[in-house]
Amino acid sequence: MIRQRVLDKAEFNRLDLSGSILDLPVEDALAMCDALVAHGGRVHIDVIDETYPRRIGVVDEVVRRIPRRLWDAVELHLMVGPDQPLDYPRFGRVVAHLRDPRDPGLAERLPLAGERWISLEPQLWQPEDVRTVVETVRPDGILIMLTPPADAPTAANLDRLLLPSAVEARSLRPIGVDGGARPEHFAHLAELGVSSVVVGRALFQTTKARATGAEQGGTSP
């Protein structure tokens, strides 16, 4: 079940919203893909390999079973090592996470997509590194990580958007944010020049959450 008020709040703040299906079982994830697109959202899929030991990404079965009619609304976020095969369908957006400013190799071999983005942790980058990668790779946009990539869910660190490398990224390309963002952050994100946001648990009302809410006499906003 999608929390419509989250989508409405994103639209009010002129933010494109992607729903992350990272923590959902296979059948639930596929159902949420349909629901997200029906509600006007984008589907955010994290593909994480063993080079990121903290977390397992969306299983390959989900990626392969997404119907072709939904491909344009899929945002594939690749957090993988240099040897990972990239034989994925032509989705609407593909994002390469770059851990090393000196090695944009993953971004240079991204699969074909409607848009090709990069993601980065701004505290690890200098403004000149961002400029160099943008000039080399020519991405359509830059996703700023507000939490450590492939880590357990934590609160978004909005101060990362004020770092010099994030400011530089915003001056060069449209920027989005990923990691811990919640609806109460949307207005501030828009003020900081963010154009898109990835949301996970705050967007989905799962069966477990509904049951917990019923026991407590309601659900949290």
N, C-alpha and C. Protein backbone atom coordinates (compact mmCIF):
# COMPACT_ATOMS: atom_id res chain seq x y z
N MET A 1 0.84 -1.19 0.00
CA MET A 1 0.00 0.00 0.00
C MET A 1 0.89 1.25 0.00
N ILE A 2 0.56 2.18 -0.88
CA ILE A 2 1.33 3.42 -1.00
C ILE A 2 0.69 4.50 -0.14
N ARG A 3 1.50 5.25 0.58
CA ARG A 3 1.00 6.39 1.33
C ARG A 3 0.88 7.58 0.37
N GLN A 4 -0.33 7.82 -0.09
CA GLN A 4 -0.56 8.85 -1.09
C GLN A 4 -0.13 10.21 -0.61
N ARG A 5 -0.26 10.47 0.68
CA ARG A 5 0.09 11.80 1.18
C ARG A 5 1.58 12.09 1.03
N VAL A 6 2.41 11.03 1.00
CA VAL A 6 3.85 11.23 0.77
C VAL A 6 4.08 11.67 -0.67
N LEU A 7 3.42 11.03 -1.61
CA LEU A 7 3.52 11.43 -3.01
C LEU A 7 2.99 12.84 -3.22
N ASP A 8 1.89 13.14 -2.54
CA ASP A 8 1.30 14.48 -2.68
C ASP A 8 2.24 15.56 -2.14
N LYS A 9 2.91 15.24 -1.03
CA LYS A 9 3.83 16.22 -0.45
C LYS A 9 5.04 16.44 -1.35
N ALA A 10 5.51 15.36 -1.98
CA ALA A 10 6.62 15.51 -2.93
C ALA A 10 6.19 16.37 -4.11
N GLU A 11 5.00 16.13 -4.62
CA GLU A 11 4.52 16.92 -5.76
C GLU A 11 4.34 18.39 -5.37
N PHE A 12 3.84 18.63 -4.17
CA PHE A 12 3.66 20.01 -3.71
C PHE A 12 4.98 20.76 -3.68
N ASN A 13 6.05 20.03 -3.32
CA ASN A 13 7.37 20.65 -3.25
C ASN A 13 8.17 20.50 -4.55
N ARG A 14 7.49 20.05 -5.59
CA ARG A 14 8.08 19.90 -6.93
C ARG A 14 9.29 18.98 -6.92
N LEU A 15 9.14 17.87 -6.20
CA LEU A 15 10.17 16.85 -6.15
C LEU A 15 9.69 15.61 -6.88
N ASP A 16 10.51 15.08 -7.77
CA ASP A 16 10.23 13.78 -8.36
C ASP A 16 10.55 12.71 -7.32
N LEU A 17 9.60 11.81 -7.07
CA LEU A 17 9.78 10.83 -6.01
C LEU A 17 9.99 9.44 -6.57
N SER A 18 11.01 8.75 -6.02
CA SER A 18 11.27 7.34 -6.33
C SER A 18 11.07 6.53 -5.06
N GLY A 19 10.35 5.43 -5.17
CA GLY A 19 10.13 4.56 -4.03
C GLY A 19 11.11 3.40 -4.04
N SER A 20 11.90 3.27 -2.97
CA SER A 20 12.87 2.18 -2.88
C SER A 20 12.19 0.90 -2.40
N ILE A 21 12.36 -0.19 -3.15
CA ILE A 21 11.76 -1.48 -2.80
C ILE A 21 12.78 -2.42 -2.16
N LEU A 22 13.84 -1.84 -1.60
CA LEU A 22 14.98 -2.63 -1.11
C LEU A 22 14.60 -3.68 -0.09
N ASP A 23 13.74 -3.36 0.87
CA ASP A 23 13.49 -4.27 1.99
C ASP A 23 12.26 -5.15 1.79
N LEU A 24 11.71 -5.19 0.59
CA LEU A 24 10.48 -5.92 0.37
C LEU A 24 10.73 -7.31 -0.21
N PRO A 25 9.94 -8.32 0.21
CA PRO A 25 10.01 -9.64 -0.42
C PRO A 25 9.69 -9.54 -1.91
N VAL A 26 10.08 -10.57 -2.67
CA VAL A 26 9.99 -10.51 -4.12
C VAL A 26 8.59 -10.16 -4.60
N GLU A 27 7.58 -10.89 -4.18
CA GLU A 27 6.24 -10.65 -4.69
C GLU A 27 5.72 -9.28 -4.25
N ASP A 28 6.02 -8.88 -3.03
CA ASP A 28 5.61 -7.55 -2.56
C ASP A 28 6.31 -6.46 -3.37
N ALA A 29 7.60 -6.68 -3.66
CA ALA A 29 8.36 -5.68 -4.43
C ALA A 29 7.76 -5.50 -5.82
N LEU A 30 7.41 -6.60 -6.47
CA LEU A 30 6.82 -6.52 -7.81
C LEU A 30 5.46 -5.82 -7.77
N ALA A 31 4.67 -6.12 -6.75
CA ALA A 31 3.38 -5.46 -6.61
C ALA A 31 3.55 -3.97 -6.38
N MET A 32 4.56 -3.60 -5.59
CA MET A 32 4.81 -2.18 -5.31
C MET A 32 5.28 -1.44 -6.56
N CYS A 33 5.99 -2.14 -7.44
CA CYS A 33 6.40 -1.49 -8.70
C CYS A 33 5.18 -1.02 -9.46
N ASP A 34 4.19 -1.89 -9.59
CA ASP A 34 2.95 -1.52 -10.27
C ASP A 34 2.25 -0.37 -9.56
N ALA A 35 2.16 -0.48 -8.23
CA ALA A 35 1.45 0.54 -7.45
C ALA A 35 2.13 1.90 -7.55
N LEU A 36 3.46 1.90 -7.48
CA LEU A 36 4.19 3.16 -7.56
C LEU A 36 3.93 3.87 -8.89
N VAL A 37 4.04 3.13 -9.97
CA VAL A 37 3.85 3.73 -11.28
C VAL A 37 2.41 4.21 -11.44
N ALA A 38 1.45 3.43 -10.93
CA ALA A 38 0.05 3.83 -11.01
C ALA A 38 -0.20 5.13 -10.25
N HIS A 39 0.58 5.38 -9.21
CA HIS A 39 0.45 6.61 -8.41
C HIS A 39 1.34 7.74 -8.92
N GLY A 40 2.02 7.52 -10.04
CA GLY A 40 2.84 8.58 -10.61
C GLY A 40 4.26 8.65 -10.10
N GLY A 41 4.73 7.63 -9.38
CA GLY A 41 6.09 7.64 -8.85
C GLY A 41 7.05 6.85 -9.72
N ARG A 42 8.29 6.83 -9.31
CA ARG A 42 9.34 6.07 -9.98
C ARG A 42 9.77 4.95 -9.04
N VAL A 43 10.25 3.84 -9.60
CA VAL A 43 10.70 2.69 -8.81
C VAL A 43 12.21 2.74 -8.67
N HIS A 44 12.71 2.78 -7.44
CA HIS A 44 14.15 2.82 -7.18
C HIS A 44 14.61 1.43 -6.77
N ILE A 45 15.55 0.87 -7.54
CA ILE A 45 16.04 -0.48 -7.29
C ILE A 45 17.54 -0.43 -7.01
N ASP A 46 17.94 -0.86 -5.82
CA ASP A 46 19.35 -0.92 -5.46
C ASP A 46 19.91 -2.30 -5.81
N VAL A 47 20.92 -2.31 -6.65
CA VAL A 47 21.66 -3.55 -6.96
C VAL A 47 23.01 -3.44 -6.24
N ILE A 48 23.21 -4.29 -5.24
CA ILE A 48 24.39 -4.19 -4.37
C ILE A 48 25.12 -5.53 -4.38
N ASP A 49 26.40 -5.51 -4.71
CA ASP A 49 27.14 -6.77 -4.73
C ASP A 49 28.00 -6.93 -3.48
N GLU A 50 28.82 -7.99 -3.47
CA GLU A 50 29.59 -8.34 -2.27
C GLU A 50 30.68 -7.34 -1.94
N THR A 51 30.96 -6.38 -2.83
CA THR A 51 31.95 -5.36 -2.50
C THR A 51 31.39 -4.36 -1.49
N TYR A 52 30.08 -4.43 -1.24
CA TYR A 52 29.44 -3.65 -0.17
C TYR A 52 28.91 -4.65 0.85
N PRO A 53 29.73 -5.01 1.85
CA PRO A 53 29.41 -6.16 2.71
C PRO A 53 28.26 -5.93 3.69
N ARG A 54 27.81 -4.69 3.86
CA ARG A 54 26.84 -4.44 4.93
C ARG A 54 25.41 -4.81 4.58
N ARG A 55 25.09 -4.89 3.30
CA ARG A 55 23.69 -5.01 2.93
C ARG A 55 23.51 -5.78 1.63
N ILE A 56 22.40 -6.52 1.54
CA ILE A 56 22.05 -7.22 0.32
C ILE A 56 21.06 -6.38 -0.46
N GLY A 57 21.28 -6.22 -1.76
CA GLY A 57 20.39 -5.39 -2.57
C GLY A 57 19.15 -6.14 -3.01
N VAL A 58 18.38 -5.52 -3.87
CA VAL A 58 17.21 -6.15 -4.45
C VAL A 58 17.66 -7.38 -5.24
N VAL A 59 16.99 -8.49 -5.03
CA VAL A 59 17.42 -9.72 -5.69
C VAL A 59 17.22 -9.62 -7.19
N ASP A 60 18.06 -10.34 -7.93
CA ASP A 60 18.06 -10.25 -9.38
C ASP A 60 16.72 -10.68 -9.97
N GLU A 61 16.02 -11.57 -9.27
CA GLU A 61 14.72 -12.03 -9.77
C GLU A 61 13.75 -10.87 -9.94
N VAL A 62 13.78 -9.93 -9.01
CA VAL A 62 12.88 -8.78 -9.10
C VAL A 62 13.22 -7.95 -10.33
N VAL A 63 14.50 -7.68 -10.52
CA VAL A 63 14.93 -6.87 -11.66
C VAL A 63 14.49 -7.51 -12.97
N ARG A 64 14.64 -8.82 -13.08
CA ARG A 64 14.33 -9.52 -14.33
C ARG A 64 12.84 -9.65 -14.58
N ARG A 65 12.04 -9.61 -13.51
CA ARG A 65 10.60 -9.83 -13.67
C ARG A 65 9.79 -8.54 -13.81
N ILE A 66 10.43 -7.40 -13.75
CA ILE A 66 9.69 -6.15 -13.92
C ILE A 66 9.14 -6.08 -15.35
N PRO A 67 7.84 -5.88 -15.51
CA PRO A 67 7.25 -5.86 -16.86
C PRO A 67 7.84 -4.73 -17.71
N ARG A 68 7.98 -4.98 -18.97
CA ARG A 68 8.54 -4.00 -19.89
C ARG A 68 7.77 -2.67 -19.84
N ARG A 69 6.44 -2.74 -19.61
CA ARG A 69 5.64 -1.52 -19.60
C ARG A 69 6.03 -0.58 -18.47
N LEU A 70 6.79 -1.08 -17.47
CA LEU A 70 7.22 -0.25 -16.34
C LEU A 70 8.66 0.23 -16.46
N TRP A 71 9.38 -0.24 -17.46
CA TRP A 71 10.82 0.04 -17.53
C TRP A 71 11.15 1.53 -17.50
N ASP A 72 10.36 2.33 -18.17
CA ASP A 72 10.67 3.77 -18.22
C ASP A 72 10.60 4.43 -16.85
N ALA A 73 9.88 3.81 -15.91
CA ALA A 73 9.72 4.39 -14.57
C ALA A 73 10.69 3.80 -13.56
N VAL A 74 11.64 2.99 -14.01
CA VAL A 74 12.60 2.34 -13.11
C VAL A 74 13.90 3.13 -13.04
N GLU A 75 14.37 3.32 -11.80
CA GLU A 75 15.67 3.95 -11.52
C GLU A 75 16.56 2.87 -10.91
N LEU A 76 17.51 2.38 -11.68
CA LEU A 76 18.40 1.30 -11.24
C LEU A 76 19.66 1.90 -10.65
N HIS A 77 19.90 1.65 -9.36
CA HIS A 77 21.04 2.23 -8.65
C HIS A 77 22.08 1.13 -8.43
N LEU A 78 23.19 1.24 -9.13
CA LEU A 78 24.22 0.21 -9.11
C LEU A 78 25.30 0.54 -8.09
N MET A 79 25.39 -0.30 -7.06
CA MET A 79 26.47 -0.21 -6.08
C MET A 79 27.24 -1.52 -6.18
N VAL A 80 28.13 -1.56 -7.16
CA VAL A 80 28.80 -2.81 -7.52
C VAL A 80 30.27 -2.55 -7.81
N GLY A 81 31.02 -3.63 -7.83
CA GLY A 81 32.44 -3.55 -8.13
C GLY A 81 32.70 -3.47 -9.62
N PRO A 82 33.96 -3.28 -10.01
CA PRO A 82 34.31 -3.05 -11.42
C PRO A 82 34.08 -4.25 -12.32
N ASP A 83 33.96 -5.46 -11.72
CA ASP A 83 33.82 -6.67 -12.54
C ASP A 83 32.38 -7.16 -12.65
N GLN A 84 31.45 -6.43 -12.05
CA GLN A 84 30.05 -6.86 -12.08
C GLN A 84 29.47 -6.72 -13.49
N PRO A 85 28.88 -7.81 -14.05
CA PRO A 85 28.20 -7.69 -15.36
C PRO A 85 27.05 -6.69 -15.27
N LEU A 86 26.85 -5.94 -16.33
CA LEU A 86 25.81 -4.91 -16.34
C LEU A 86 24.81 -5.14 -17.47
N ASP A 87 24.37 -6.38 -17.61
CA ASP A 87 23.43 -6.73 -18.67
C ASP A 87 21.99 -6.59 -18.18
N TYR A 88 21.56 -5.35 -18.03
CA TYR A 88 20.22 -5.06 -17.53
C TYR A 88 19.34 -4.50 -18.64
N PRO A 89 18.02 -4.59 -18.46
CA PRO A 89 17.12 -3.97 -19.45
C PRO A 89 17.36 -2.47 -19.55
N ARG A 90 16.83 -1.88 -20.60
CA ARG A 90 16.99 -0.44 -20.80
C ARG A 90 15.93 0.30 -19.99
N PHE A 91 16.28 0.59 -18.74
CA PHE A 91 15.36 1.26 -17.84
C PHE A 91 15.38 2.78 -18.08
N GLY A 92 14.46 3.47 -17.41
CA GLY A 92 14.36 4.91 -17.59
C GLY A 92 15.56 5.67 -17.06
N ARG A 93 16.15 5.17 -15.99
CA ARG A 93 17.33 5.84 -15.40
C ARG A 93 18.22 4.79 -14.77
N VAL A 94 19.52 4.93 -14.95
CA VAL A 94 20.48 4.06 -14.29
C VAL A 94 21.50 4.96 -13.60
N VAL A 95 21.85 4.60 -12.36
CA VAL A 95 22.73 5.42 -11.53
C VAL A 95 23.94 4.58 -11.11
N ALA A 96 25.13 5.08 -11.34
CA ALA A 96 26.36 4.40 -10.92
C ALA A 96 26.90 5.07 -9.67
N HIS A 97 27.06 4.30 -8.58
CA HIS A 97 27.67 4.89 -7.39
C HIS A 97 29.19 4.85 -7.53
N LEU A 98 29.80 6.03 -7.37
CA LEU A 98 31.26 6.15 -7.50
C LEU A 98 31.88 6.35 -6.13
N ARG A 99 32.65 5.37 -5.70
CA ARG A 99 33.31 5.46 -4.39
C ARG A 99 34.62 6.23 -4.47
N ASP A 100 35.28 6.14 -5.62
CA ASP A 100 36.60 6.75 -5.77
C ASP A 100 36.53 7.86 -6.82
N PRO A 101 36.71 9.11 -6.42
CA PRO A 101 36.66 10.21 -7.40
C PRO A 101 37.65 10.05 -8.55
N ARG A 102 38.70 9.28 -8.33
CA ARG A 102 39.73 9.11 -9.36
C ARG A 102 39.41 7.98 -10.34
N ASP A 103 38.32 7.25 -10.07
CA ASP A 103 38.00 6.11 -10.92
C ASP A 103 36.51 6.09 -11.27
N PRO A 104 36.13 6.78 -12.35
CA PRO A 104 34.73 6.79 -12.77
C PRO A 104 34.38 5.63 -13.70
N GLY A 105 35.17 4.54 -13.63
CA GLY A 105 35.02 3.45 -14.58
C GLY A 105 33.62 2.88 -14.66
N LEU A 106 32.96 2.69 -13.51
CA LEU A 106 31.61 2.13 -13.52
C LEU A 106 30.67 3.02 -14.32
N ALA A 107 30.77 4.33 -14.12
CA ALA A 107 29.89 5.25 -14.84
C ALA A 107 30.14 5.23 -16.34
N GLU A 108 31.38 4.96 -16.72
CA GLU A 108 31.73 4.96 -18.14
C GLU A 108 31.21 3.73 -18.88
N ARG A 109 30.82 2.68 -18.15
CA ARG A 109 30.31 1.47 -18.81
C ARG A 109 28.87 1.16 -18.40
N LEU A 110 28.13 2.18 -18.04
CA LEU A 110 26.73 1.97 -17.68
C LEU A 110 25.94 1.40 -18.85
N PRO A 111 24.95 0.56 -18.55
CA PRO A 111 24.09 0.07 -19.63
C PRO A 111 23.25 1.20 -20.21
N LEU A 112 22.73 0.99 -21.40
CA LEU A 112 21.88 1.99 -22.03
C LEU A 112 20.65 2.25 -21.17
N ALA A 113 20.26 3.51 -21.11
CA ALA A 113 19.10 3.90 -20.32
C ALA A 113 18.59 5.24 -20.82
N GLY A 114 17.39 5.60 -20.41
CA GLY A 114 16.88 6.90 -20.78
C GLY A 114 17.74 8.03 -20.23
N GLU A 115 18.16 7.89 -18.97
CA GLU A 115 19.06 8.84 -18.33
C GLU A 115 20.17 8.07 -17.62
N ARG A 116 21.37 8.64 -17.61
CA ARG A 116 22.49 8.02 -16.90
C ARG A 116 23.00 9.00 -15.85
N TRP A 117 22.92 8.60 -14.60
CA TRP A 117 23.32 9.44 -13.47
C TRP A 117 24.51 8.80 -12.76
N ILE A 118 25.12 9.60 -11.87
CA ILE A 118 26.09 9.07 -10.92
C ILE A 118 25.60 9.40 -9.51
N SER A 119 26.10 8.64 -8.53
CA SER A 119 25.84 8.99 -7.13
C SER A 119 27.16 9.05 -6.39
N LEU A 120 27.19 9.84 -5.33
CA LEU A 120 28.43 10.02 -4.58
C LEU A 120 28.13 10.45 -3.15
N GLU A 121 29.11 10.22 -2.28
CA GLU A 121 29.08 10.73 -0.91
C GLU A 121 29.88 12.03 -0.90
N PRO A 122 29.25 13.17 -0.70
CA PRO A 122 29.94 14.44 -0.91
C PRO A 122 31.10 14.69 0.04
N GLN A 123 31.08 14.08 1.22
CA GLN A 123 32.18 14.31 2.16
C GLN A 123 33.48 13.65 1.70
N LEU A 124 33.40 12.78 0.70
CA LEU A 124 34.58 12.10 0.18
C LEU A 124 35.14 12.76 -1.08
N TRP A 125 34.46 13.80 -1.55
CA TRP A 125 34.82 14.43 -2.82
C TRP A 125 35.19 15.89 -2.62
N GLN A 126 36.06 16.36 -3.50
CA GLN A 126 36.36 17.77 -3.59
C GLN A 126 35.61 18.35 -4.80
N PRO A 127 35.32 19.65 -4.77
CA PRO A 127 34.59 20.24 -5.91
C PRO A 127 35.26 19.99 -7.25
N GLU A 128 36.59 20.04 -7.29
CA GLU A 128 37.27 19.82 -8.57
C GLU A 128 37.12 18.38 -9.06
N ASP A 129 36.97 17.41 -8.10
CA ASP A 129 36.72 16.03 -8.50
C ASP A 129 35.36 15.90 -9.18
N VAL A 130 34.37 16.60 -8.63
CA VAL A 130 33.03 16.56 -9.22
C VAL A 130 33.07 17.13 -10.63
N ARG A 131 33.74 18.26 -10.79
CA ARG A 131 33.82 18.88 -12.12
C ARG A 131 34.49 17.93 -13.12
N THR A 132 35.58 17.29 -12.71
CA THR A 132 36.31 16.40 -13.61
C THR A 132 35.45 15.23 -14.05
N VAL A 133 34.75 14.61 -13.10
CA VAL A 133 33.90 13.46 -13.44
C VAL A 133 32.74 13.88 -14.34
N VAL A 134 32.14 15.02 -14.06
CA VAL A 134 31.05 15.51 -14.90
C VAL A 134 31.54 15.76 -16.32
N GLU A 135 32.72 16.34 -16.45
CA GLU A 135 33.28 16.59 -17.78
C GLU A 135 33.63 15.29 -18.51
N THR A 136 34.05 14.28 -17.74
CA THR A 136 34.45 13.00 -18.34
C THR A 136 33.26 12.13 -18.69
N VAL A 137 32.35 11.98 -17.74
CA VAL A 137 31.25 11.03 -17.88
C VAL A 137 30.01 11.67 -18.50
N ARG A 138 29.84 12.99 -18.28
CA ARG A 138 28.67 13.73 -18.75
C ARG A 138 27.36 13.10 -18.30
N PRO A 139 27.17 12.95 -16.98
CA PRO A 139 25.92 12.35 -16.49
C PRO A 139 24.75 13.32 -16.65
N ASP A 140 23.55 12.77 -16.67
CA ASP A 140 22.35 13.60 -16.74
C ASP A 140 21.99 14.21 -15.38
N GLY A 141 22.48 13.60 -14.31
CA GLY A 141 22.19 14.11 -12.98
C GLY A 141 23.11 13.47 -11.96
N ILE A 142 23.04 13.97 -10.72
CA ILE A 142 23.91 13.48 -9.65
C ILE A 142 23.06 13.21 -8.42
N LEU A 143 23.15 11.99 -7.90
CA LEU A 143 22.43 11.58 -6.70
C LEU A 143 23.35 11.72 -5.50
N ILE A 144 22.96 12.57 -4.56
CA ILE A 144 23.77 12.80 -3.36
C ILE A 144 23.32 11.84 -2.26
N MET A 145 24.27 11.07 -1.73
CA MET A 145 23.94 10.11 -0.67
C MET A 145 23.93 10.83 0.68
N LEU A 146 22.80 10.77 1.36
CA LEU A 146 22.65 11.41 2.67
C LEU A 146 22.96 10.47 3.82
N THR A 147 23.21 9.20 3.51
CA THR A 147 23.64 8.19 4.47
C THR A 147 24.70 7.33 3.79
N PRO A 148 25.45 6.52 4.54
CA PRO A 148 26.42 5.63 3.90
C PRO A 148 25.71 4.68 2.94
N PRO A 149 26.24 4.47 1.75
CA PRO A 149 25.58 3.59 0.78
C PRO A 149 25.57 2.15 1.25
N ALA A 150 24.47 1.45 0.92
CA ALA A 150 24.32 0.03 1.23
C ALA A 150 24.39 -0.27 2.72
N ASP A 151 24.08 0.71 3.54
CA ASP A 151 24.11 0.52 4.99
C ASP A 151 22.70 0.31 5.51
N ALA A 152 22.60 -0.09 6.78
CA ALA A 152 21.29 -0.21 7.41
C ALA A 152 20.62 1.16 7.46
N PRO A 153 19.27 1.21 7.47
CA PRO A 153 18.57 2.50 7.45
C PRO A 153 18.98 3.40 8.61
N THR A 154 19.34 4.63 8.29
CA THR A 154 19.68 5.64 9.29
C THR A 154 19.07 6.96 8.87
N ALA A 155 19.06 7.92 9.78
CA ALA A 155 18.48 9.23 9.49
C ALA A 155 19.32 9.98 8.47
N ALA A 156 18.66 10.72 7.61
CA ALA A 156 19.35 11.49 6.58
C ALA A 156 20.18 12.61 7.22
N ASN A 157 21.37 12.80 6.70
CA ASN A 157 22.23 13.90 7.12
C ASN A 157 22.12 15.00 6.06
N LEU A 158 21.18 15.93 6.27
CA LEU A 158 20.94 16.98 5.28
C LEU A 158 22.11 17.94 5.16
N ASP A 159 22.98 17.98 6.18
CA ASP A 159 24.15 18.86 6.12
C ASP A 159 25.09 18.48 4.98
N ARG A 160 24.99 17.25 4.51
CA ARG A 160 25.84 16.84 3.38
C ARG A 160 25.57 17.69 2.14
N LEU A 161 24.35 18.21 2.03
CA LEU A 161 24.01 19.03 0.87
C LEU A 161 24.68 20.40 0.91
N LEU A 162 25.23 20.76 2.06
CA LEU A 162 25.90 22.06 2.20
C LEU A 162 27.40 21.96 1.97
N LEU A 163 27.91 20.75 1.82
CA LEU A 163 29.34 20.58 1.59
C LEU A 163 29.73 21.11 0.22
N PRO A 164 30.97 21.60 0.08
CA PRO A 164 31.38 22.22 -1.20
C PRO A 164 31.17 21.34 -2.42
N SER A 165 31.41 20.04 -2.29
CA SER A 165 31.26 19.15 -3.45
C SER A 165 29.79 19.03 -3.85
N ALA A 166 28.87 19.02 -2.87
CA ALA A 166 27.45 18.95 -3.18
C ALA A 166 26.98 20.26 -3.83
N VAL A 167 27.48 21.37 -3.32
CA VAL A 167 27.14 22.67 -3.92
C VAL A 167 27.64 22.72 -5.36
N GLU A 168 28.84 22.21 -5.59
CA GLU A 168 29.38 22.17 -6.95
C GLU A 168 28.53 21.27 -7.85
N ALA A 169 28.12 20.11 -7.32
CA ALA A 169 27.28 19.20 -8.11
C ALA A 169 25.99 19.89 -8.52
N ARG A 170 25.39 20.63 -7.60
CA ARG A 170 24.13 21.32 -7.89
C ARG A 170 24.30 22.40 -8.95
N SER A 171 25.49 22.97 -9.03
CA SER A 171 25.73 24.01 -10.03
C SER A 171 25.94 23.43 -11.43
N LEU A 172 26.20 22.12 -11.50
CA LEU A 172 26.54 21.49 -12.77
C LEU A 172 25.43 20.64 -13.36
N ARG A 173 24.64 20.01 -12.49
CA ARG A 173 23.63 19.06 -12.95
C ARG A 173 22.43 19.07 -11.99
N PRO A 174 21.26 18.59 -12.44
CA PRO A 174 20.18 18.36 -11.50
C PRO A 174 20.64 17.37 -10.43
N ILE A 175 20.22 17.58 -9.20
CA ILE A 175 20.63 16.65 -8.14
C ILE A 175 19.41 16.02 -7.48
N GLY A 176 19.61 14.79 -7.04
CA GLY A 176 18.63 14.09 -6.22
C GLY A 176 19.29 13.66 -4.93
N VAL A 177 18.51 13.12 -4.02
CA VAL A 177 19.07 12.63 -2.76
C VAL A 177 18.56 11.22 -2.48
N ASP A 178 19.39 10.46 -1.79
CA ASP A 178 19.06 9.08 -1.43
C ASP A 178 19.60 8.81 -0.04
N GLY A 179 18.78 8.16 0.79
CA GLY A 179 19.24 7.77 2.11
C GLY A 179 18.55 8.50 3.25
N GLY A 180 17.52 7.89 3.82
CA GLY A 180 16.91 8.40 5.03
C GLY A 180 15.98 9.59 4.89
N ALA A 181 15.71 10.04 3.67
CA ALA A 181 14.85 11.21 3.50
C ALA A 181 13.41 10.87 3.87
N ARG A 182 12.74 11.80 4.55
CA ARG A 182 11.37 11.62 4.98
C ARG A 182 10.53 12.82 4.52
N PRO A 183 9.20 12.67 4.53
CA PRO A 183 8.34 13.76 4.04
C PRO A 183 8.58 15.10 4.73
N GLU A 184 8.94 15.07 6.00
CA GLU A 184 9.17 16.34 6.70
C GLU A 184 10.42 17.06 6.20
N HIS A 185 11.24 16.37 5.41
CA HIS A 185 12.43 16.99 4.83
C HIS A 185 12.16 17.65 3.48
N PHE A 186 11.02 17.35 2.86
CA PHE A 186 10.81 17.71 1.46
C PHE A 186 10.94 19.21 1.20
N ALA A 187 10.32 20.02 2.03
CA ALA A 187 10.35 21.46 1.79
C ALA A 187 11.78 21.99 1.85
N HIS A 188 12.56 21.51 2.83
CA HIS A 188 13.95 21.97 2.97
C HIS A 188 14.78 21.48 1.79
N LEU A 189 14.55 20.25 1.35
CA LEU A 189 15.28 19.73 0.20
C LEU A 189 15.02 20.58 -1.04
N ALA A 190 13.77 20.96 -1.23
CA ALA A 190 13.43 21.80 -2.38
C ALA A 190 14.13 23.15 -2.29
N GLU A 191 14.21 23.71 -1.07
CA GLU A 191 14.89 24.99 -0.88
C GLU A 191 16.37 24.89 -1.23
N LEU A 192 16.95 23.70 -1.04
CA LEU A 192 18.37 23.49 -1.31
C LEU A 192 18.64 23.11 -2.76
N GLY A 193 17.61 23.14 -3.59
CA GLY A 193 17.80 22.90 -5.01
C GLY A 193 17.72 21.45 -5.44
N VAL A 194 17.21 20.58 -4.57
CA VAL A 194 17.06 19.17 -4.93
C VAL A 194 15.86 19.01 -5.85
N SER A 195 16.00 18.16 -6.87
CA SER A 195 14.90 17.96 -7.81
C SER A 195 14.24 16.59 -7.69
N SER A 196 14.92 15.62 -7.07
CA SER A 196 14.32 14.30 -6.91
C SER A 196 14.77 13.68 -5.59
N VAL A 197 13.94 12.77 -5.06
CA VAL A 197 14.21 12.18 -3.76
C VAL A 197 13.82 10.71 -3.77
N VAL A 198 14.66 9.89 -3.13
CA VAL A 198 14.37 8.47 -2.95
C VAL A 198 13.81 8.28 -1.55
N VAL A 199 12.68 7.60 -1.45
CA VAL A 199 12.03 7.35 -0.17
C VAL A 199 11.75 5.86 -0.05
N GLY A 200 11.97 5.32 1.14
CA GLY A 200 11.73 3.90 1.35
C GLY A 200 10.57 3.65 2.29
N ARG A 201 10.89 3.36 3.53
CA ARG A 201 9.87 2.94 4.49
C ARG A 201 8.78 3.97 4.71
N ALA A 202 9.12 5.23 4.60
CA ALA A 202 8.11 6.27 4.84
C ALA A 202 7.01 6.26 3.79
N LEU A 203 7.25 5.61 2.65
CA LEU A 203 6.30 5.61 1.55
C LEU A 203 5.35 4.42 1.59
N PHE A 204 5.83 3.30 2.12
CA PHE A 204 5.05 2.07 2.04
C PHE A 204 4.39 1.73 3.37
N GLN A 205 3.12 1.38 3.29
CA GLN A 205 2.39 0.87 4.44
C GLN A 205 2.30 -0.64 4.26
N THR A 206 3.21 -1.38 4.89
CA THR A 206 3.25 -2.82 4.70
C THR A 206 2.24 -3.51 5.59
N THR A 207 2.03 -4.80 5.31
CA THR A 207 1.08 -5.58 6.13
C THR A 207 1.51 -5.59 7.58
N LYS A 208 2.80 -5.75 7.83
CA LYS A 208 3.30 -5.77 9.21
C LYS A 208 3.04 -4.44 9.89
N ALA A 209 3.30 -3.33 9.16
CA ALA A 209 3.09 -2.02 9.74
C ALA A 209 1.62 -1.78 10.02
N ARG A 210 0.72 -2.25 9.11
CA ARG A 210 -0.70 -2.06 9.34
C ARG A 210 -1.17 -2.81 10.56
N ALA A 211 -0.63 -4.04 10.73
CA ALA A 211 -1.02 -4.83 11.89
C ALA A 211 -0.57 -4.15 13.17
N THR A 212 0.66 -3.64 13.18
CA THR A 212 1.17 -2.94 14.36
C THR A 212 0.33 -1.71 14.66
N GLY A 213 -0.02 -0.99 13.61
CA GLY A 213 -0.84 0.22 13.80
C GLY A 213 -2.20 -0.11 14.35
N ALA A 214 -2.79 -1.24 13.88
CA ALA A 214 -4.12 -1.62 14.37
C ALA A 214 -4.07 -1.96 15.84
N GLU A 215 -2.97 -2.64 16.26
CA GLU A 215 -2.84 -2.99 17.67
C GLU A 215 -2.74 -1.75 18.53
N GLN A 216 -2.16 -0.68 17.96
CA GLN A 216 -1.97 0.55 18.74
C GLN A 216 -3.12 1.53 18.54
N GLY A 217 -4.11 1.11 17.75
CA GLY A 217 -5.26 1.97 17.56
C GLY A 217 -5.10 2.95 16.43
N GLY A 218 -4.14 2.73 15.52
CA GLY A 218 -3.96 3.63 14.40
C GLY A 218 -2.59 3.48 13.80
N THR A 219 -2.30 4.30 12.80
CA THR A 219 -0.99 4.28 12.16
C THR A 219 -0.33 5.63 12.31
N SER A 220 0.99 5.61 12.27
CA SER A 220 1.71 6.87 12.39
C SER A 220 1.64 7.63 11.10
N PRO A 221 1.74 8.95 11.13
CA PRO A 221 1.66 9.73 9.90
C PRO A 221 2.90 9.55 9.05
